[in-house]
Amino acid sequence: MIAFLPTDTAAPAKPVPRNNESAIALAMSKYFAEDDTYIVDLGCSSGKLLKNMIDYNKDHIPNAKYVGI
C-alpha cells in the first residue's frame, strides 16, 4: 500500500486506493528514475507493474534496467 503522510503529524495517513497505485507508481517513476540505473520492484508478483513501467518509460529512460524480486 502507498500512503502519503500529512505534514501535521496529528492527522492520520491517507492511503491511496489500490486501483490508483499503478498510475501513481508510473507517474513517480518518470520523475525519480534516471537512465543507466536499476529500478527494483520488491514483491513484484506477476511483474505487471514492471512491464507497464518499462513501456511507460521507454523513451524517457531507455537504458534503465528493471528487476523484479
PDB file of N, CA and C in Angstrom:
ATOM      1  N   MET A   1       0.841  -1.169   0.000  1.00  0.00           N
ATOM      2  CA  MET A   1       0.000   0.000   0.000  1.00  0.00           C
ATOM      3  C   MET A   1       0.891   1.238   0.000  1.00  0.00           C
ATOM      4  N   ILE A   2       0.492   2.217  -0.744  1.00  0.00           N
ATOM      5  CA  ILE A   2       1.158   3.514  -0.750  1.00  0.00           C
ATOM      6  C   ILE A   2       0.381   4.417   0.187  1.00  0.00           C
ATOM      7  N   ALA A   3       1.080   5.160   1.034  1.00  0.00           N
ATOM      8  CA  ALA A   3       0.418   6.098   1.934  1.00  0.00           C
ATOM      9  C   ALA A   3       1.157   7.416   1.908  1.00  0.00           C
ATOM     10  N   PHE A   4       0.432   8.482   1.922  1.00  0.00           N
ATOM     11  CA  PHE A   4       1.024   9.810   1.977  1.00  0.00           C
ATOM     12  C   PHE A   4       0.804  10.366   3.368  1.00  0.00           C
ATOM     13  N   LEU A   5       1.888  10.773   4.006  1.00  0.00           N
ATOM     14  CA  LEU A   5       1.805  11.277   5.365  1.00  0.00           C
ATOM     15  C   LEU A   5       1.630  12.792   5.338  1.00  0.00           C
ATOM     16  N   PRO A   6       0.669  13.297   6.065  1.00  0.00           N
ATOM     17  CA  PRO A   6       0.474  14.742   6.108  1.00  0.00           C
ATOM     18  C   PRO A   6       1.584  15.412   6.914  1.00  0.00           C
ATOM     19  N   THR A   7       1.783  16.693   6.675  1.00  0.00           N
ATOM     20  CA  THR A   7       2.805  17.415   7.425  1.00  0.00           C
ATOM     21  C   THR A   7       2.393  17.591   8.884  1.00  0.00           C
ATOM     22  N   ASP A   8       1.098  17.610   9.150  1.00  0.00           N
ATOM     23  CA  ASP A   8       0.589  17.686  10.524  1.00  0.00           C
ATOM     24  C   ASP A   8       0.562  16.270  11.069  1.00  0.00           C
ATOM     25  N   THR A   9       1.472  15.931  11.967  1.00  0.00           N
ATOM     26  CA  THR A   9       1.592  14.557  12.451  1.00  0.00           C
ATOM     27  C   THR A   9       0.396  14.096  13.270  1.00  0.00           C
ATOM     28  N   ALA A  10      -0.467  15.015  13.679  1.00  0.00           N
ATOM     29  CA  ALA A  10      -1.655  14.623  14.432  1.00  0.00           C
ATOM     30  C   ALA A  10      -2.716  14.022  13.506  1.00  0.00           C
ATOM     31  N   ALA A  11      -2.641  14.345  12.230  1.00  0.00           N
ATOM     32  CA  ALA A  11      -3.620  13.833  11.277  1.00  0.00           C
ATOM     33  C   ALA A  11      -3.199  12.438  10.814  1.00  0.00           C
ATOM     34  N   PRO A  12      -4.141  11.542  10.575  1.00  0.00           N
ATOM     35  CA  PRO A  12      -3.797  10.187  10.135  1.00  0.00           C
ATOM     36  C   PRO A  12      -3.320  10.181   8.684  1.00  0.00           C
ATOM     37  N   ALA A  13      -2.515   9.172   8.347  1.00  0.00           N
ATOM     38  CA  ALA A  13      -2.093   8.992   6.956  1.00  0.00           C
ATOM     39  C   ALA A  13      -3.302   8.620   6.113  1.00  0.00           C
ATOM     40  N   LYS A  14      -3.290   9.040   4.882  1.00  0.00           N
ATOM     41  CA  LYS A  14      -4.394   8.732   3.978  1.00  0.00           C
ATOM     42  C   LYS A  14      -3.893   7.765   2.910  1.00  0.00           C
ATOM     43  N   PRO A  15      -4.314   6.513   2.965  1.00  0.00           N
ATOM     44  CA  PRO A  15      -3.855   5.564   1.955  1.00  0.00           C
ATOM     45  C   PRO A  15      -4.467   5.877   0.596  1.00  0.00           C
ATOM     46  N   VAL A  16      -3.698   5.559  -0.425  1.00  0.00           N
ATOM     47  CA  VAL A  16      -4.172   5.726  -1.791  1.00  0.00           C
ATOM     48  C   VAL A  16      -4.990   4.493  -2.138  1.00  0.00           C
ATOM     49  N   PRO A  17      -6.159   4.648  -2.753  1.00  0.00           N
ATOM     50  CA  PRO A  17      -6.939   3.473  -3.147  1.00  0.00           C
ATOM     51  C   PRO A  17      -6.128   2.560  -4.055  1.00  0.00           C
ATOM     52  N   ARG A  18      -6.266   1.268  -3.867  1.00  0.00           N
ATOM     53  CA  ARG A  18      -5.466   0.302  -4.597  1.00  0.00           C
ATOM     54  C   ARG A  18      -5.569   0.452  -6.108  1.00  0.00           C
ATOM     55  N   ASN A  19      -6.698   0.861  -6.631  1.00  0.00           N
ATOM     56  CA  ASN A  19      -6.826   0.974  -8.079  1.00  0.00           C
ATOM     57  C   ASN A  19      -6.001   2.129  -8.635  1.00  0.00           C
ATOM     58  N   ASN A  20      -5.489   3.022  -7.789  1.00  0.00           N
ATOM     59  CA  ASN A  20      -4.661   4.140  -8.243  1.00  0.00           C
ATOM     60  C   ASN A  20      -3.168   3.896  -8.036  1.00  0.00           C
ATOM     61  N   GLU A  21      -2.796   2.829  -7.355  1.00  0.00           N
ATOM     62  CA  GLU A  21      -1.386   2.609  -7.038  1.00  0.00           C
ATOM     63  C   GLU A  21      -0.524   2.500  -8.284  1.00  0.00           C
ATOM     64  N   SER A  22      -0.969   1.774  -9.288  1.00  0.00           N
ATOM     65  CA  SER A  22      -0.169   1.614 -10.501  1.00  0.00           C
ATOM     66  C   SER A  22       0.038   2.945 -11.202  1.00  0.00           C
ATOM     67  N   ALA A  23      -1.012   3.721 -11.346  1.00  0.00           N
ATOM     68  CA  ALA A  23      -0.908   5.013 -12.024  1.00  0.00           C
ATOM     69  C   ALA A  23       0.039   5.940 -11.271  1.00  0.00           C
ATOM     70  N   ILE A  24      -0.027   5.923  -9.962  1.00  0.00           N
ATOM     71  CA  ILE A  24       0.853   6.781  -9.157  1.00  0.00           C
ATOM     72  C   ILE A  24       2.297   6.299  -9.271  1.00  0.00           C
ATOM     73  N   ALA A  25       2.519   4.998  -9.197  1.00  0.00           N
ATOM     74  CA  ALA A  25       3.877   4.461  -9.312  1.00  0.00           C
ATOM     75  C   ALA A  25       4.477   4.794 -10.672  1.00  0.00           C
ATOM     76  N   LEU A  26       3.684   4.691 -11.726  1.00  0.00           N
ATOM     77  CA  LEU A  26       4.187   5.030 -13.059  1.00  0.00           C
ATOM     78  C   LEU A  26       4.549   6.504 -13.149  1.00  0.00           C
ATOM     79  N   ALA A  27       3.682   7.359 -12.659  1.00  0.00           N
ATOM     80  CA  ALA A  27       3.955   8.798 -12.704  1.00  0.00           C
ATOM     81  C   ALA A  27       5.204   9.141 -11.888  1.00  0.00           C
ATOM     82  N   MET A  28       5.363   8.505 -10.739  1.00  0.00           N
ATOM     83  CA  MET A  28       6.531   8.766  -9.900  1.00  0.00           C
ATOM     84  C   MET A  28       7.807   8.247 -10.560  1.00  0.00           C
ATOM     85  N   SER A  29       7.702   7.159 -11.303  1.00  0.00           N
ATOM     86  CA  SER A  29       8.889   6.613 -11.958  1.00  0.00           C
ATOM     87  C   SER A  29       9.434   7.589 -12.988  1.00  0.00           C
ATOM     88  N   LYS A  30       8.570   8.301 -13.665  1.00  0.00           N
ATOM     89  CA  LYS A  30       9.031   9.279 -14.656  1.00  0.00           C
ATOM     90  C   LYS A  30       9.805  10.407 -13.976  1.00  0.00           C
ATOM     91  N   TYR A  31       9.431  10.733 -12.760  1.00  0.00           N
ATOM     92  CA  TYR A  31      10.080  11.813 -12.025  1.00  0.00           C
ATOM     93  C   TYR A  31      11.382  11.359 -11.361  1.00  0.00           C
ATOM     94  N   PHE A  32      11.374  10.181 -10.725  1.00  0.00           N
ATOM     95  CA  PHE A  32      12.507   9.751  -9.917  1.00  0.00           C
ATOM     96  C   PHE A  32      13.521   8.877 -10.649  1.00  0.00           C
ATOM     97  N   ALA A  33      13.093   8.082 -11.603  1.00  0.00           N
ATOM     98  CA  ALA A  33      14.004   7.153 -12.270  1.00  0.00           C
ATOM     99  C   ALA A  33      14.937   7.895 -13.216  1.00  0.00           C
ATOM    100  N   GLU A  34      16.165   7.419 -13.283  1.00  0.00           N
ATOM    101  CA  GLU A  34      17.162   8.017 -14.161  1.00  0.00           C
ATOM    102  C   GLU A  34      17.710   6.947 -15.096  1.00  0.00           C
ATOM    103  N   ASP A  35      18.207   7.391 -16.240  1.00  0.00           N
ATOM    104  CA  ASP A  35      18.778   6.469 -17.210  1.00  0.00           C
ATOM    105  C   ASP A  35      20.046   5.835 -16.654  1.00  0.00           C
ATOM    106  N   ASP A  36      20.371   4.641 -17.126  1.00  0.00           N
ATOM    107  CA  ASP A  36      21.548   3.880 -16.694  1.00  0.00           C
ATOM    108  C   ASP A  36      21.520   3.540 -15.210  1.00  0.00           C
ATOM    109  N   THR A  37      20.331   3.314 -14.664  1.00  0.00           N
ATOM    110  CA  THR A  37      20.189   2.875 -13.274  1.00  0.00           C
ATOM    111  C   THR A  37      19.314   1.628 -13.236  1.00  0.00           C
ATOM    112  N   TYR A  38      19.235   1.007 -12.079  1.00  0.00           N
ATOM    113  CA  TYR A  38      18.351  -0.138 -11.857  1.00  0.00           C
ATOM    114  C   TYR A  38      17.078   0.330 -11.173  1.00  0.00           C
ATOM    115  N   ILE A  39      15.974  -0.203 -11.627  1.00  0.00           N
ATOM    116  CA  ILE A  39      14.683   0.021 -10.982  1.00  0.00           C
ATOM    117  C   ILE A  39      14.248  -1.331 -10.447  1.00  0.00           C
ATOM    118  N   VAL A  40      14.090  -1.419  -9.136  1.00  0.00           N
ATOM    119  CA  VAL A  40      13.808  -2.696  -8.483  1.00  0.00           C
ATOM    120  C   VAL A  40      12.401  -2.666  -7.911  1.00  0.00           C
ATOM    121  N   ASP A  41      11.626  -3.690  -8.245  1.00  0.00           N
ATOM    122  CA  ASP A  41      10.282  -3.844  -7.703  1.00  0.00           C
ATOM    123  C   ASP A  41      10.321  -5.000  -6.713  1.00  0.00           C
ATOM    124  N   LEU A  42      10.253  -4.691  -5.431  1.00  0.00           N
ATOM    125  CA  LEU A  42      10.255  -5.728  -4.398  1.00  0.00           C
ATOM    126  C   LEU A  42       8.839  -6.250  -4.214  1.00  0.00           C
ATOM    127  N   GLY A  43       8.678  -7.552  -4.291  1.00  0.00           N
ATOM    128  CA  GLY A  43       7.355  -8.148  -4.165  1.00  0.00           C
ATOM    129  C   GLY A  43       6.534  -7.960  -5.420  1.00  0.00           C
ATOM    130  N   CYS A  44       7.162  -8.180  -6.569  1.00  0.00           N
ATOM    131  CA  CYS A  44       6.542  -7.833  -7.853  1.00  0.00           C
ATOM    132  C   CYS A  44       5.409  -8.759  -8.291  1.00  0.00           C
ATOM    133  N   SER A  45       5.240  -9.900  -7.675  1.00  0.00           N
ATOM    134  CA  SER A  45       4.163 -10.825  -8.013  1.00  0.00           C
ATOM    135  C   SER A  45       4.229 -11.224  -9.485  1.00  0.00           C
ATOM    136  N   SER A  46       3.317 -10.748 -10.301  1.00  0.00           N
ATOM    137  CA  SER A  46       3.257 -11.154 -11.710  1.00  0.00           C
ATOM    138  C   SER A  46       4.167 -10.336 -12.613  1.00  0.00           C
ATOM    139  N   GLY A  47       4.691  -9.223 -12.138  1.00  0.00           N
ATOM    140  CA  GLY A  47       5.542  -8.370 -12.957  1.00  0.00           C
ATOM    141  C   GLY A  47       4.777  -7.393 -13.834  1.00  0.00           C
ATOM    142  N   LYS A  48       3.477  -7.325 -13.638  1.00  0.00           N
ATOM    143  CA  LYS A  48       2.638  -6.449 -14.468  1.00  0.00           C
ATOM    144  C   LYS A  48       3.039  -4.979 -14.331  1.00  0.00           C
ATOM    145  N   LEU A  49       3.290  -4.521 -13.114  1.00  0.00           N
ATOM    146  CA  LEU A  49       3.680  -3.128 -12.915  1.00  0.00           C
ATOM    147  C   LEU A  49       5.014  -2.842 -13.597  1.00  0.00           C
ATOM    148  N   LEU A  50       5.983  -3.756 -13.476  1.00  0.00           N
ATOM    149  CA  LEU A  50       7.274  -3.548 -14.128  1.00  0.00           C
ATOM    150  C   LEU A  50       7.125  -3.475 -15.641  1.00  0.00           C
ATOM    151  N   LYS A  51       6.320  -4.350 -16.202  1.00  0.00           N
ATOM    152  CA  LYS A  51       6.078  -4.326 -17.653  1.00  0.00           C
ATOM    153  C   LYS A  51       5.483  -2.990 -18.062  1.00  0.00           C
ATOM    154  N   ASN A  52       4.497  -2.523 -17.315  1.00  0.00           N
ATOM    155  CA  ASN A  52       3.891  -1.228 -17.621  1.00  0.00           C
ATOM    156  C   ASN A  52       4.896  -0.088 -17.459  1.00  0.00           C
ATOM    157  N   MET A  53       5.777  -0.208 -16.462  1.00  0.00           N
ATOM    158  CA  MET A  53       6.774   0.824 -16.226  1.00  0.00           C
ATOM    159  C   MET A  53       7.801   0.870 -17.360  1.00  0.00           C
ATOM    160  N   ILE A  54       8.180  -0.291 -17.857  1.00  0.00           N
ATOM    161  CA  ILE A  54       9.105  -0.349 -18.994  1.00  0.00           C
ATOM    162  C   ILE A  54       8.489   0.359 -20.196  1.00  0.00           C
ATOM    163  N   ASP A  55       7.252   0.033 -20.492  1.00  0.00           N
ATOM    164  CA  ASP A  55       6.559   0.667 -21.623  1.00  0.00           C
ATOM    165  C   ASP A  55       6.393   2.169 -21.416  1.00  0.00           C
ATOM    166  N   TYR A  56       6.044   2.564 -20.208  1.00  0.00           N
ATOM    167  CA  TYR A  56       5.782   3.964 -19.877  1.00  0.00           C
ATOM    168  C   TYR A  56       7.051   4.824 -19.998  1.00  0.00           C
ATOM    169  N   ASN A  57       8.196   4.238 -19.654  1.00  0.00           N
ATOM    170  CA  ASN A  57       9.447   4.998 -19.607  1.00  0.00           C
ATOM    171  C   ASN A  57      10.418   4.717 -20.746  1.00  0.00           C
ATOM    172  N   LYS A  58      10.001   3.968 -21.764  1.00  0.00           N
ATOM    173  CA  LYS A  58      10.955   3.543 -22.795  1.00  0.00           C
ATOM    174  C   LYS A  58      11.620   4.707 -23.527  1.00  0.00           C
ATOM    175  N   ASP A  59      10.952   5.825 -23.701  1.00  0.00           N
ATOM    176  CA  ASP A  59      11.563   6.977 -24.358  1.00  0.00           C
ATOM    177  C   ASP A  59      12.317   7.867 -23.376  1.00  0.00           C
ATOM    178  N   HIS A  60      11.843   7.900 -22.145  1.00  0.00           N
ATOM    179  CA  HIS A  60      12.423   8.774 -21.111  1.00  0.00           C
ATOM    180  C   HIS A  60      13.735   8.213 -20.561  1.00  0.00           C
ATOM    181  N   ILE A  61      13.774   6.926 -20.261  1.00  0.00           N
ATOM    182  CA  ILE A  61      14.961   6.291 -19.699  1.00  0.00           C
ATOM    183  C   ILE A  61      15.215   4.954 -20.402  1.00  0.00           C
ATOM    184  N   PRO A  62      15.651   5.008 -21.666  1.00  0.00           N
ATOM    185  CA  PRO A  62      15.781   3.778 -22.455  1.00  0.00           C
ATOM    186  C   PRO A  62      16.848   2.802 -21.957  1.00  0.00           C
ATOM    187  N   ASN A  63      17.823   3.275 -21.182  1.00  0.00           N
ATOM    188  CA  ASN A  63      18.912   2.391 -20.732  1.00  0.00           C
ATOM    189  C   ASN A  63      18.757   1.940 -19.287  1.00  0.00           C
ATOM    190  N   ALA A  64      17.614   2.196 -18.690  1.00  0.00           N
ATOM    191  CA  ALA A  64      17.380   1.717 -17.325  1.00  0.00           C
ATOM    192  C   ALA A  64      17.185   0.208 -17.343  1.00  0.00           C
ATOM    193  N   LYS A  65      17.558  -0.422 -16.253  1.00  0.00           N
ATOM    194  CA  LYS A  65      17.377  -1.879 -16.118  1.00  0.00           C
ATOM    195  C   LYS A  65      16.347  -2.132 -15.037  1.00  0.00           C
ATOM    196  N   TYR A  66      15.471  -3.076 -15.285  1.00  0.00           N
ATOM    197  CA  TYR A  66      14.358  -3.371 -14.381  1.00  0.00           C
ATOM    198  C   TYR A  66      14.533  -4.756 -13.782  1.00  0.00           C
ATOM    199  N   VAL A  67      14.330  -4.845 -12.476  1.00  0.00           N
ATOM    200  CA  VAL A  67      14.467  -6.108 -11.760  1.00  0.00           C
ATOM    201  C   VAL A  67      13.251  -6.310 -10.878  1.00  0.00           C
ATOM    202  N   GLY A  68      12.642  -7.482 -10.983  1.00  0.00           N
ATOM    203  CA  GLY A  68      11.520  -7.844 -10.126  1.00  0.00           C
ATOM    204  C   GLY A  68      11.961  -8.927  -9.154  1.00  0.00           C
ATOM    205  N   ILE A  69      11.703  -8.716  -7.874  1.00  0.00           N
ATOM    206  CA  ILE A  69      12.101  -9.695  -6.838  1.00  0.00           C
ATOM    207  C   ILE A  69      10.864 -10.089  -6.059  1.00  0.00           C
TER     208      ILE A  69
END
